[in-house]
PDB file of N, CA and C in Angstrom:
ATOM      1  N   MET A   1      -5.062  -2.488  21.729  1.00  0.00           N
ATOM      2  CA  MET A   1      -3.541  -2.711  20.968  1.00  0.00           C
ATOM      3  C   MET A   1      -3.788  -3.834  20.059  1.00  0.00           C
ATOM      4  N   ALA A   2      -3.786  -3.841  18.600  1.00  0.00           N
ATOM      5  CA  ALA A   2      -3.662  -5.673  17.862  1.00  0.00           C
ATOM      6  C   ALA A   2      -2.892  -6.759  18.365  1.00  0.00           C
ATOM      7  N   GLU A   3      -3.122  -7.374  18.218  1.00  0.00           N
ATOM      8  CA  GLU A   3      -1.893  -8.670  18.060  1.00  0.00           C
ATOM      9  C   GLU A   3      -1.673  -8.877  16.498  1.00  0.00           C
ATOM     10  N   VAL A   4      -0.473  -9.296  16.444  1.00  0.00           N
ATOM     11  CA  VAL A   4       0.264  -9.953  15.641  1.00  0.00           C
ATOM     12  C   VAL A   4      -0.613 -10.500  14.560  1.00  0.00           C
ATOM     13  N   GLY A   5      -1.119 -10.083  13.291  1.00  0.00           N
ATOM     14  CA  GLY A   5      -1.710 -11.586  12.265  1.00  0.00           C
ATOM     15  C   GLY A   5      -3.158 -11.194  12.922  1.00  0.00           C
ATOM     16  N   GLU A   6      -3.583 -10.106  13.387  1.00  0.00           N
ATOM     17  CA  GLU A   6      -4.831  -9.418  13.142  1.00  0.00           C
ATOM     18  C   GLU A   6      -5.271  -8.938  12.302  1.00  0.00           C
ATOM     19  N   TYR A   7      -6.311  -8.729  12.211  1.00  0.00           N
ATOM     20  CA  TYR A   7      -7.037  -8.316  11.372  1.00  0.00           C
ATOM     21  C   TYR A   7      -7.007  -6.701  11.262  1.00  0.00           C
ATOM     22  N   VAL A   8      -6.850  -5.414  11.360  1.00  0.00           N
ATOM     23  CA  VAL A   8      -7.619  -4.285  11.716  1.00  0.00           C
ATOM     24  C   VAL A   8      -8.009  -3.314  10.682  1.00  0.00           C
ATOM     25  N   GLU A   9      -9.599  -3.119  11.309  1.00  0.00           N
ATOM     26  CA  GLU A   9     -10.331  -2.396   9.898  1.00  0.00           C
ATOM     27  C   GLU A   9      -9.446  -0.597  10.020  1.00  0.00           C
ATOM     28  N   ILE A  10      -9.159  -0.184   8.633  1.00  0.00           N
ATOM     29  CA  ILE A  10      -8.600   1.108   8.655  1.00  0.00           C
ATOM     30  C   ILE A  10      -9.635   2.006   7.756  1.00  0.00           C
ATOM     31  N   ALA A  11     -11.117   1.468   6.956  1.00  0.00           N
ATOM     32  CA  ALA A  11     -11.211   2.837   5.920  1.00  0.00           C
ATOM     33  C   ALA A  11     -12.163   1.648   5.474  1.00  0.00           C
ATOM     34  N   ASN A  12     -13.843   2.526   4.934  1.00  0.00           N
ATOM     35  CA  ASN A  12     -14.527   1.828   4.714  1.00  0.00           C
ATOM     36  C   ASN A  12     -13.932   2.441   2.875  1.00  0.00           C
ATOM     37  N   VAL A  13     -15.051   1.289   2.242  1.00  0.00           N
ATOM     38  CA  VAL A  13     -14.384   0.843   0.677  1.00  0.00           C
ATOM     39  C   VAL A  13     -14.856   2.266  -0.130  1.00  0.00           C
ATOM     40  N   SER A  14     -16.271   3.199   0.762  1.00  0.00           N
ATOM     41  CA  SER A  14     -16.486   4.119   0.027  1.00  0.00           C
ATOM     42  C   SER A  14     -15.027   4.920   0.068  1.00  0.00           C
ATOM     43  N   ASP A  15     -14.318   4.886   0.861  1.00  0.00           N
ATOM     44  CA  ASP A  15     -13.280   5.982   1.130  1.00  0.00           C
ATOM     45  C   ASP A  15     -12.291   6.642   0.376  1.00  0.00           C
ATOM     46  N   ILE A  16     -12.386   5.580  -0.761  1.00  0.00           N
ATOM     47  CA  ILE A  16     -10.897   5.601  -1.787  1.00  0.00           C
ATOM     48  C   ILE A  16     -11.615   5.262  -2.910  1.00  0.00           C
ATOM     49  N   ARG A  17     -11.393   5.996  -4.060  1.00  0.00           N
ATOM     50  CA  ARG A  17     -11.354   5.908  -5.283  1.00  0.00           C
ATOM     51  C   ARG A  17     -10.522   5.329  -5.993  1.00  0.00           C
ATOM     52  N   ASP A  18     -11.209   4.880  -7.265  1.00  0.00           N
ATOM     53  CA  ASP A  18     -10.030   4.006  -8.083  1.00  0.00           C
ATOM     54  C   ASP A  18      -9.225   4.361  -8.366  1.00  0.00           C
ATOM     55  N   GLY A  19      -7.327   3.962  -7.833  1.00  0.00           N
ATOM     56  CA  GLY A  19      -6.644   4.537  -8.769  1.00  0.00           C
ATOM     57  C   GLY A  19      -5.817   5.543  -7.866  1.00  0.00           C
ATOM     58  N   GLU A  20      -6.735   6.103  -6.537  1.00  0.00           N
ATOM     59  CA  GLU A  20      -6.001   6.290  -5.498  1.00  0.00           C
ATOM     60  C   GLU A  20      -4.753   6.016  -4.486  1.00  0.00           C
ATOM     61  N   LEU A  21      -4.258   6.469  -3.824  1.00  0.00           N
ATOM     62  CA  LEU A  21      -3.499   5.949  -2.859  1.00  0.00           C
ATOM     63  C   LEU A  21      -3.907   6.455  -1.587  1.00  0.00           C
ATOM     64  N   LYS A  22      -3.516   5.889  -0.213  1.00  0.00           N
ATOM     65  CA  LYS A  22      -4.353   6.497   1.069  1.00  0.00           C
ATOM     66  C   LYS A  22      -2.846   6.289   1.894  1.00  0.00           C
ATOM     67  N   VAL A  23      -2.971   7.044   2.536  1.00  0.00           N
ATOM     68  CA  VAL A  23      -2.007   6.741   3.912  1.00  0.00           C
ATOM     69  C   VAL A  23      -3.109   6.323   5.515  1.00  0.00           C
ATOM     70  N   PHE A  24      -2.564   5.114   5.680  1.00  0.00           N
ATOM     71  CA  PHE A  24      -3.233   5.160   7.240  1.00  0.00           C
ATOM     72  C   PHE A  24      -1.857   4.530   8.309  1.00  0.00           C
ATOM     73  N   GLU A  25      -2.417   4.993   9.424  1.00  0.00           N
ATOM     74  CA  GLU A  25      -1.747   4.656  10.784  1.00  0.00           C
ATOM     75  C   GLU A  25      -2.041   3.531  11.453  1.00  0.00           C
ATOM     76  N   VAL A  26      -2.149   2.288  11.529  1.00  0.00           N
ATOM     77  CA  VAL A  26      -2.526   1.374  12.154  1.00  0.00           C
ATOM     78  C   VAL A  26      -1.628   0.840  13.329  1.00  0.00           C
ATOM     79  N   ASN A  27      -2.052   0.795  14.405  1.00  0.00           N
ATOM     80  CA  ASN A  27      -0.359  -0.117  15.340  1.00  0.00           C
ATOM     81  C   ASN A  27       0.599   0.243  15.145  1.00  0.00           C
ATOM     82  N   ASP A  28       1.379   2.244  15.493  1.00  0.00           N
ATOM     83  CA  ASP A  28       2.183   2.043  15.160  1.00  0.00           C
ATOM     84  C   ASP A  28       3.079   1.556  13.651  1.00  0.00           C
ATOM     85  N   GLU A  29       2.152   1.603  12.673  1.00  0.00           N
ATOM     86  CA  GLU A  29       3.210   1.459  10.917  1.00  0.00           C
ATOM     87  C   GLU A  29       2.245   2.660  10.401  1.00  0.00           C
ATOM     88  N   SER A  30       2.689   2.996   9.682  1.00  0.00           N
ATOM     89  CA  SER A  30       2.442   3.429   8.597  1.00  0.00           C
ATOM     90  C   SER A  30       2.017   2.755   7.299  1.00  0.00           C
ATOM     91  N   ILE A  31       0.770   2.714   6.395  1.00  0.00           N
ATOM     92  CA  ILE A  31       0.639   1.663   5.338  1.00  0.00           C
ATOM     93  C   ILE A  31      -0.270   2.709   4.361  1.00  0.00           C
ATOM     94  N   ILE A  32       0.847   2.097   3.074  1.00  0.00           N
ATOM     95  CA  ILE A  32      -0.274   2.744   1.885  1.00  0.00           C
ATOM     96  C   ILE A  32      -1.634   1.891   1.946  1.00  0.00           C
ATOM     97  N   LEU A  33      -2.172   2.314   1.468  1.00  0.00           N
ATOM     98  CA  LEU A  33      -3.583   1.912   0.233  1.00  0.00           C
ATOM     99  C   LEU A  33      -4.032   1.770  -0.486  1.00  0.00           C
ATOM    100  N   ILE A  34      -4.006   1.151  -1.965  1.00  0.00           N
ATOM    101  CA  ILE A  34      -4.240   2.056  -3.208  1.00  0.00           C
ATOM    102  C   ILE A  34      -5.603   1.280  -3.329  1.00  0.00           C
ATOM    103  N   LYS A  35      -6.113   1.865  -3.874  1.00  0.00           N
ATOM    104  CA  LYS A  35      -7.465   0.700  -4.920  1.00  0.00           C
ATOM    105  C   LYS A  35      -7.399   1.187  -6.485  1.00  0.00           C
ATOM    106  N   LEU A  36      -7.321  -0.158  -7.212  1.00  0.00           N
ATOM    107  CA  LEU A  36      -6.670  -0.523  -8.230  1.00  0.00           C
ATOM    108  C   LEU A  36      -7.964  -1.762  -8.692  1.00  0.00           C
ATOM    109  N   GLY A  37      -8.007  -1.433  -9.666  1.00  0.00           N
ATOM    110  CA  GLY A  37      -9.436  -2.175 -11.157  1.00  0.00           C
ATOM    111  C   GLY A  37     -10.448  -2.375  -9.921  1.00  0.00           C
ATOM    112  N   GLY A  38     -10.478  -1.819  -8.947  1.00  0.00           N
ATOM    113  CA  GLY A  38     -11.670  -2.440  -8.062  1.00  0.00           C
ATOM    114  C   GLY A  38     -11.055  -3.283  -6.497  1.00  0.00           C
ATOM    115  N   GLU A  39      -9.749  -3.642  -6.812  1.00  0.00           N
ATOM    116  CA  GLU A  39      -9.162  -4.550  -5.459  1.00  0.00           C
ATOM    117  C   GLU A  39      -8.423  -3.119  -4.704  1.00  0.00           C
ATOM    118  N   PHE A  40      -8.628  -3.293  -4.036  1.00  0.00           N
ATOM    119  CA  PHE A  40      -7.381  -3.422  -2.419  1.00  0.00           C
ATOM    120  C   PHE A  40      -6.163  -3.445  -2.466  1.00  0.00           C
ATOM    121  N   PHE A  41      -4.782  -2.590  -2.376  1.00  0.00           N
ATOM    122  CA  PHE A  41      -3.366  -3.142  -2.070  1.00  0.00           C
ATOM    123  C   PHE A  41      -3.095  -2.310  -1.355  1.00  0.00           C
ATOM    124  N   ALA A  42      -2.321  -3.084  -0.648  1.00  0.00           N
ATOM    125  CA  ALA A  42      -2.146  -2.465   1.138  1.00  0.00           C
ATOM    126  C   ALA A  42      -0.483  -2.543   1.194  1.00  0.00           C
ATOM    127  N   TYR A  43       0.484  -2.047   1.595  1.00  0.00           N
ATOM    128  CA  TYR A  43       1.836  -1.695   1.529  1.00  0.00           C
ATOM    129  C   TYR A  43       2.728  -0.977   3.138  1.00  0.00           C
ATOM    130  N   LYS A  44       3.778  -1.658   3.084  1.00  0.00           N
ATOM    131  CA  LYS A  44       4.279  -0.811   4.365  1.00  0.00           C
ATOM    132  C   LYS A  44       5.003   0.830   3.729  1.00  0.00           C
ATOM    133  N   ASN A  45       4.121   2.012   4.140  1.00  0.00           N
ATOM    134  CA  ASN A  45       4.956   3.139   3.170  1.00  0.00           C
ATOM    135  C   ASN A  45       5.930   3.249   3.737  1.00  0.00           C
ATOM    136  N   GLN A  46       6.672   2.484   3.151  1.00  0.00           N
ATOM    137  CA  GLN A  46       8.180   2.552   2.858  1.00  0.00           C
ATOM    138  C   GLN A  46       9.106   2.026   1.542  1.00  0.00           C
ATOM    139  N   CYS A  47       9.510   2.978   0.873  1.00  0.00           N
ATOM    140  CA  CYS A  47      10.373   2.530  -0.875  1.00  0.00           C
ATOM    141  C   CYS A  47      11.111   1.719   0.088  1.00  0.00           C
ATOM    142  N   SER A  48      11.576   0.201  -0.613  1.00  0.00           N
ATOM    143  CA  SER A  48      12.629  -0.687  -0.451  1.00  0.00           C
ATOM    144  C   SER A  48      14.037   0.123  -0.725  1.00  0.00           C
ATOM    145  N   HIS A  49      14.082   1.157  -1.789  1.00  0.00           N
ATOM    146  CA  HIS A  49      15.551   1.597  -1.957  1.00  0.00           C
ATOM    147  C   HIS A  49      16.250   2.744  -0.426  1.00  0.00           C
ATOM    148  N   MET A  50      15.556   3.385   0.154  1.00  0.00           N
ATOM    149  CA  MET A  50      16.255   4.303   1.197  1.00  0.00           C
ATOM    150  C   MET A  50      14.475   4.177   1.993  1.00  0.00           C
ATOM    151  N   GLU A  51      14.100   3.205   1.871  1.00  0.00           N
ATOM    152  CA  GLU A  51      13.538   3.689   3.120  1.00  0.00           C
ATOM    153  C   GLU A  51      12.636   4.819   3.323  1.00  0.00           C
ATOM    154  N   LEU A  52      12.539   5.466   2.590  1.00  0.00           N
ATOM    155  CA  LEU A  52      12.009   6.706   2.845  1.00  0.00           C
ATOM    156  C   LEU A  52       9.980   6.344   2.051  1.00  0.00           C
ATOM    157  N   GLU A  53       9.086   7.330   2.385  1.00  0.00           N
ATOM    158  CA  GLU A  53       7.626   7.143   2.385  1.00  0.00           C
ATOM    159  C   GLU A  53       7.100   7.469   0.941  1.00  0.00           C
ATOM    160  N   LEU A  54       6.492   6.748   1.339  1.00  0.00           N
ATOM    161  CA  LEU A  54       5.624   6.321  -0.755  1.00  0.00           C
ATOM    162  C   LEU A  54       4.199   7.520  -0.667  1.00  0.00           C
ATOM    163  N   ASN A  55       4.491   8.407  -0.105  1.00  0.00           N
ATOM    164  CA  ASN A  55       2.714   8.860   0.645  1.00  0.00           C
ATOM    165  C   ASN A  55       2.430  10.079  -0.902  1.00  0.00           C
ATOM    166  N   ASP A  56       3.608  10.530  -0.738  1.00  0.00           N
ATOM    167  CA  ASP A  56       3.586  10.752  -2.935  1.00  0.00           C
ATOM    168  C   ASP A  56       3.389  10.719  -4.133  1.00  0.00           C
ATOM    169  N   ALA A  57       3.724   9.276  -3.745  1.00  0.00           N
ATOM    170  CA  ALA A  57       3.738   8.514  -4.760  1.00  0.00           C
ATOM    171  C   ALA A  57       2.984   8.688  -6.267  1.00  0.00           C
ATOM    172  N   GLU A  58       3.147   8.341  -6.888  1.00  0.00           N
ATOM    173  CA  GLU A  58       2.997   8.425  -8.358  1.00  0.00           C
ATOM    174  C   GLU A  58       1.774   7.678  -8.502  1.00  0.00           C
ATOM    175  N   ILE A  59       0.411   6.814  -9.175  1.00  0.00           N
ATOM    176  CA  ILE A  59       0.530   5.330  -9.838  1.00  0.00           C
ATOM    177  C   ILE A  59      -0.341   5.652 -11.192  1.00  0.00           C
ATOM    178  N   GLU A  60       0.297   4.889 -12.105  1.00  0.00           N
ATOM    179  CA  GLU A  60       0.102   5.179 -13.444  1.00  0.00           C
ATOM    180  C   GLU A  60       0.034   3.632 -13.737  1.00  0.00           C
ATOM    181  N   GLY A  61      -1.325   3.132 -14.397  1.00  0.00           N
ATOM    182  CA  GLY A  61      -1.655   2.384 -14.823  1.00  0.00           C
ATOM    183  C   GLY A  61      -1.476   1.261 -13.366  1.00  0.00           C
ATOM    184  N   GLU A  62      -0.367   0.323 -13.455  1.00  0.00           N
ATOM    185  CA  GLU A  62      -0.681  -0.951 -12.605  1.00  0.00           C
ATOM    186  C   GLU A  62       0.802  -0.417 -11.969  1.00  0.00           C
ATOM    187  N   THR A  63       1.186   0.851 -12.112  1.00  0.00           N
ATOM    188  CA  THR A  63       2.224   0.931 -11.590  1.00  0.00           C
ATOM    189  C   THR A  63       2.550   2.055 -10.499  1.00  0.00           C
ATOM    190  N   LEU A  64       3.773   2.302  -8.991  1.00  0.00           N
ATOM    191  CA  LEU A  64       3.646   2.739  -8.314  1.00  0.00           C
ATOM    192  C   LEU A  64       5.172   3.346  -8.245  1.00  0.00           C
ATOM    193  N   THR A  65       5.293   4.849  -8.177  1.00  0.00           N
ATOM    194  CA  THR A  65       6.049   4.900  -8.070  1.00  0.00           C
ATOM    195  C   THR A  65       6.415   6.379  -7.689  1.00  0.00           C
ATOM    196  N   CYS A  66       7.711   5.478  -6.558  1.00  0.00           N
ATOM    197  CA  CYS A  66       8.400   6.073  -5.628  1.00  0.00           C
ATOM    198  C   CYS A  66       8.632   7.781  -5.720  1.00  0.00           C
ATOM    199  N   PRO A  67       8.277   8.691  -5.036  1.00  0.00           N
ATOM    200  CA  PRO A  67       8.584  10.473  -5.412  1.00  0.00           C
ATOM    201  C   PRO A  67      10.185  10.823  -5.398  1.00  0.00           C
ATOM    202  N   TRP A  68      10.839   9.853  -4.219  1.00  0.00           N
ATOM    203  CA  TRP A  68      12.018  10.617  -4.310  1.00  0.00           C
ATOM    204  C   TRP A  68      13.554   9.949  -5.373  1.00  0.00           C
ATOM    205  N   HIS A  69      13.651   8.917  -5.897  1.00  0.00           N
ATOM    206  CA  HIS A  69      14.828   8.628  -6.150  1.00  0.00           C
ATOM    207  C   HIS A  69      13.730   7.745  -7.583  1.00  0.00           C
ATOM    208  N   GLY A  70      12.415   7.743  -8.145  1.00  0.00           N
ATOM    209  CA  GLY A  70      11.979   7.217  -9.393  1.00  0.00           C
ATOM    210  C   GLY A  70      12.045   5.688  -9.744  1.00  0.00           C
ATOM    211  N   ALA A  71      11.794   4.457  -8.364  1.00  0.00           N
ATOM    212  CA  ALA A  71      11.900   3.730  -7.874  1.00  0.00           C
ATOM    213  C   ALA A  71      10.297   3.096  -8.478  1.00  0.00           C
ATOM    214  N   GLN A  72      10.106   1.989  -8.968  1.00  0.00           N
ATOM    215  CA  GLN A  72       8.717   1.554  -9.967  1.00  0.00           C
ATOM    216  C   GLN A  72       8.291   0.011  -9.141  1.00  0.00           C
ATOM    217  N   PHE A  73       7.426   0.069  -9.042  1.00  0.00           N
ATOM    218  CA  PHE A  73       6.913  -1.056  -7.956  1.00  0.00           C
ATOM    219  C   PHE A  73       5.101  -1.603  -8.819  1.00  0.00           C
ATOM    220  N   ASN A  74       5.587  -3.216  -8.959  1.00  0.00           N
ATOM    221  CA  ASN A  74       4.062  -3.153  -9.380  1.00  0.00           C
ATOM    222  C   ASN A  74       2.947  -3.424  -7.856  1.00  0.00           C
ATOM    223  N   ILE A  75       1.915  -2.459  -8.549  1.00  0.00           N
ATOM    224  CA  ILE A  75       0.780  -2.217  -7.541  1.00  0.00           C
ATOM    225  C   ILE A  75       0.335  -3.408  -6.546  1.00  0.00           C
ATOM    226  N   ARG A  76      -0.475  -5.051  -7.723  1.00  0.00           N
ATOM    227  CA  ARG A  76      -0.853  -5.751  -7.896  1.00  0.00           C
ATOM    228  C   ARG A  76       0.477  -6.726  -6.633  1.00  0.00           C
ATOM    229  N   THR A  77       1.542  -7.002  -6.829  1.00  0.00           N
ATOM    230  CA  THR A  77       2.181  -7.821  -6.284  1.00  0.00           C
ATOM    231  C   THR A  77       3.957  -7.249  -5.276  1.00  0.00           C
ATOM    232  N   GLY A  78       3.965  -5.859  -6.107  1.00  0.00           N
ATOM    233  CA  GLY A  78       4.806  -4.808  -4.583  1.00  0.00           C
ATOM    234  C   GLY A  78       6.314  -5.235  -5.389  1.00  0.00           C
ATOM    235  N   ASP A  79       6.392  -5.450  -6.317  1.00  0.00           N
ATOM    236  CA  ASP A  79       7.580  -6.114  -6.828  1.00  0.00           C
ATOM    237  C   ASP A  79       7.980  -5.184  -7.662  1.00  0.00           C
ATOM    238  N   VAL A  80       9.721  -5.083  -7.772  1.00  0.00           N
ATOM    239  CA  VAL A  80      10.204  -4.239  -8.392  1.00  0.00           C
ATOM    240  C   VAL A  80      10.641  -4.593  -9.802  1.00  0.00           C
ATOM    241  N   VAL A  81       9.723  -2.659 -10.825  1.00  0.00           N
ATOM    242  CA  VAL A  81       9.604  -2.763 -12.329  1.00  0.00           C
ATOM    243  C   VAL A  81      10.918  -1.978 -12.401  1.00  0.00           C
ATOM    244  N   ARG A  82      11.298  -0.962 -11.639  1.00  0.00           N
ATOM    245  CA  ARG A  82      12.362  -0.332 -12.197  1.00  0.00           C
ATOM    246  C   ARG A  82      13.674   0.034 -10.550  1.00  0.00           C
ATOM    247  N   LEU A  83      14.691  -0.042 -10.871  1.00  0.00           N
ATOM    248  CA  LEU A  83      15.290   0.160 -10.191  1.00  0.00           C
ATOM    249  C   LEU A  83      15.488   2.007  -9.563  1.00  0.00           C
ATOM    250  N   PRO A  84      15.742   2.222  -8.519  1.00  0.00           N
ATOM    251  CA  PRO A  84      16.760   1.476  -7.569  1.00  0.00           C
ATOM    252  C   PRO A  84      16.299   1.214  -6.828  1.00  0.00           C
ATOM    253  N   ALA A  85      15.490   0.741  -6.723  1.00  0.00           N
ATOM    254  CA  ALA A  85      14.342  -0.301  -5.397  1.00  0.00           C
ATOM    255  C   ALA A  85      15.531  -1.654  -5.385  1.00  0.00           C
ATOM    256  N   SER A  86      15.569  -2.064  -4.337  1.00  0.00           N
ATOM    257  CA  SER A  86      16.624  -3.354  -4.030  1.00  0.00           C
ATOM    258  C   SER A  86      16.037  -4.363  -3.542  1.00  0.00           C
ATOM    259  N   GLY A  87      14.122  -4.615  -3.615  1.00  0.00           N
ATOM    260  CA  GLY A  87      12.996  -5.444  -3.598  1.00  0.00           C
ATOM    261  C   GLY A  87      12.024  -5.384  -3.355  1.00  0.00           C
ATOM    262  N   PRO A  88      11.051  -6.101  -3.277  1.00  0.00           N
ATOM    263  CA  PRO A  88       9.911  -5.445  -3.633  1.00  0.00           C
ATOM    264  C   PRO A  88       9.477  -4.574  -2.245  1.00  0.00           C
ATOM    265  N   LEU A  89       8.431  -4.168  -2.173  1.00  0.00           N
ATOM    266  CA  LEU A  89       7.552  -3.477  -1.167  1.00  0.00           C
ATOM    267  C   LEU A  89       6.756  -4.684   0.153  1.00  0.00           C
ATOM    268  N   GLU A  90       7.130  -4.159   0.998  1.00  0.00           N
ATOM    269  CA  GLU A  90       6.277  -5.428   2.276  1.00  0.00           C
ATOM    270  C   GLU A  90       4.878  -4.928   2.254  1.00  0.00           C
ATOM    271  N   LYS A  91       4.229  -6.131   1.570  1.00  0.00           N
ATOM    272  CA  LYS A  91       2.793  -6.346   1.826  1.00  0.00           C
ATOM    273  C   LYS A  91       2.112  -7.013   2.802  1.00  0.00           C
ATOM    274  N   TYR A  92       0.363  -6.254   2.986  1.00  0.00           N
ATOM    275  CA  TYR A  92      -0.038  -6.380   4.124  1.00  0.00           C
ATOM    276  C   TYR A  92      -1.637  -7.324   3.452  1.00  0.00           C
ATOM    277  N   GLU A  93      -2.382  -8.073   4.017  1.00  0.00           N
ATOM    278  CA  GLU A  93      -3.113  -8.746   3.527  1.00  0.00           C
ATOM    279  C   GLU A  93      -4.281  -8.167   3.137  1.00  0.00           C
ATOM    280  N   VAL A  94      -5.615  -8.103   2.333  1.00  0.00           N
ATOM    281  CA  VAL A  94      -6.660  -7.309   2.756  1.00  0.00           C
ATOM    282  C   VAL A  94      -8.003  -7.973   2.673  1.00  0.00           C
ATOM    283  N   LYS A  95      -8.632  -7.817   3.037  1.00  0.00           N
ATOM    284  CA  LYS A  95      -9.963  -8.340   3.081  1.00  0.00           C
ATOM    285  C   LYS A  95     -10.190  -7.111   3.396  1.00  0.00           C
ATOM    286  N   ILE A  96     -12.223  -7.875   2.882  1.00  0.00           N
ATOM    287  CA  ILE A  96     -13.532  -6.726   2.486  1.00  0.00           C
ATOM    288  C   ILE A  96     -14.467  -6.955   3.114  1.00  0.00           C
ATOM    289  N   GLN A  97     -14.969  -6.907   4.187  1.00  0.00           N
ATOM    290  CA  GLN A  97     -15.820  -7.022   5.406  1.00  0.00           C
ATOM    291  C   GLN A  97     -17.226  -6.306   5.141  1.00  0.00           C
ATOM    292  N   ASP A  98     -18.086  -6.162   5.053  1.00  0.00           N
ATOM    293  CA  ASP A  98     -19.843  -5.229   4.730  1.00  0.00           C
ATOM    294  C   ASP A  98     -19.205  -4.306   4.822  1.00  0.00           C
ATOM    295  N   GLY A  99     -18.520  -4.405   3.407  1.00  0.00           N
ATOM    296  CA  GLY A  99     -18.128  -2.284   3.179  1.00  0.00           C
ATOM    297  C   GLY A  99     -17.103  -1.831   3.874  1.00  0.00           C
ATOM    298  N   LYS A 100     -16.436  -2.478   4.184  1.00  0.00           N
ATOM    299  CA  LYS A 100     -15.406  -2.355   5.072  1.00  0.00           C
ATOM    300  C   LYS A 100     -13.704  -2.386   4.969  1.00  0.00           C
ATOM    301  N   ILE A 101     -12.676  -2.313   4.833  1.00  0.00           N
ATOM    302  CA  ILE A 101     -11.194  -2.801   4.412  1.00  0.00           C
ATOM    303  C   ILE A 101     -10.587  -2.818   5.778  1.00  0.00           C
ATOM    304  N   PHE A 102     -10.226  -4.286   5.966  1.00  0.00           N
ATOM    305  CA  PHE A 102     -10.079  -4.712   6.829  1.00  0.00           C
ATOM    306  C   PHE A 102      -8.159  -5.049   6.371  1.00  0.00           C
ATOM    307  N   VAL A 103      -7.113  -4.365   7.010  1.00  0.00           N
ATOM    308  CA  VAL A 103      -5.461  -5.090   6.665  1.00  0.00           C
ATOM    309  C   VAL A 103      -4.940  -5.684   8.081  1.00  0.00           C
ATOM    310  N   LYS A 104      -4.112  -7.139   7.690  1.00  0.00           N
ATOM    311  CA  LYS A 104      -3.889  -7.884   8.546  1.00  0.00           C
ATOM    312  C   LYS A 104      -2.331  -7.342   9.006  1.00  0.00           C
ATOM    313  N   ILE A 105      -2.291  -7.206  10.380  1.00  0.00           N
ATOM    314  CA  ILE A 105      -1.172  -6.446  11.439  1.00  0.00           C
ATOM    315  C   ILE A 105      -0.432  -6.959  12.061  1.00  0.00           C
TER     316      ILE A 105
END
């Protein structure tokens, strides 16, 4: 098991297409990974509104829309764009090394 603050490999860069969201289970955490404009963004798989999963969230431009109640978030920052979300998404640091994606848990 990884220690707090350790980078954990979750995927290869080639595993996710631009504009795509994928869900990964890492150390008992459910994480969504989004590729946008060649960059990767990782968040806890939980909307800040009612803590429901974002597995089926829609991506349009730089906006992520929760499938449950329509809350929207900026993909690059995790900040709320539209209510009923109560706060930003919980963001994880991402690094790319040797074609692999690592998330800091």
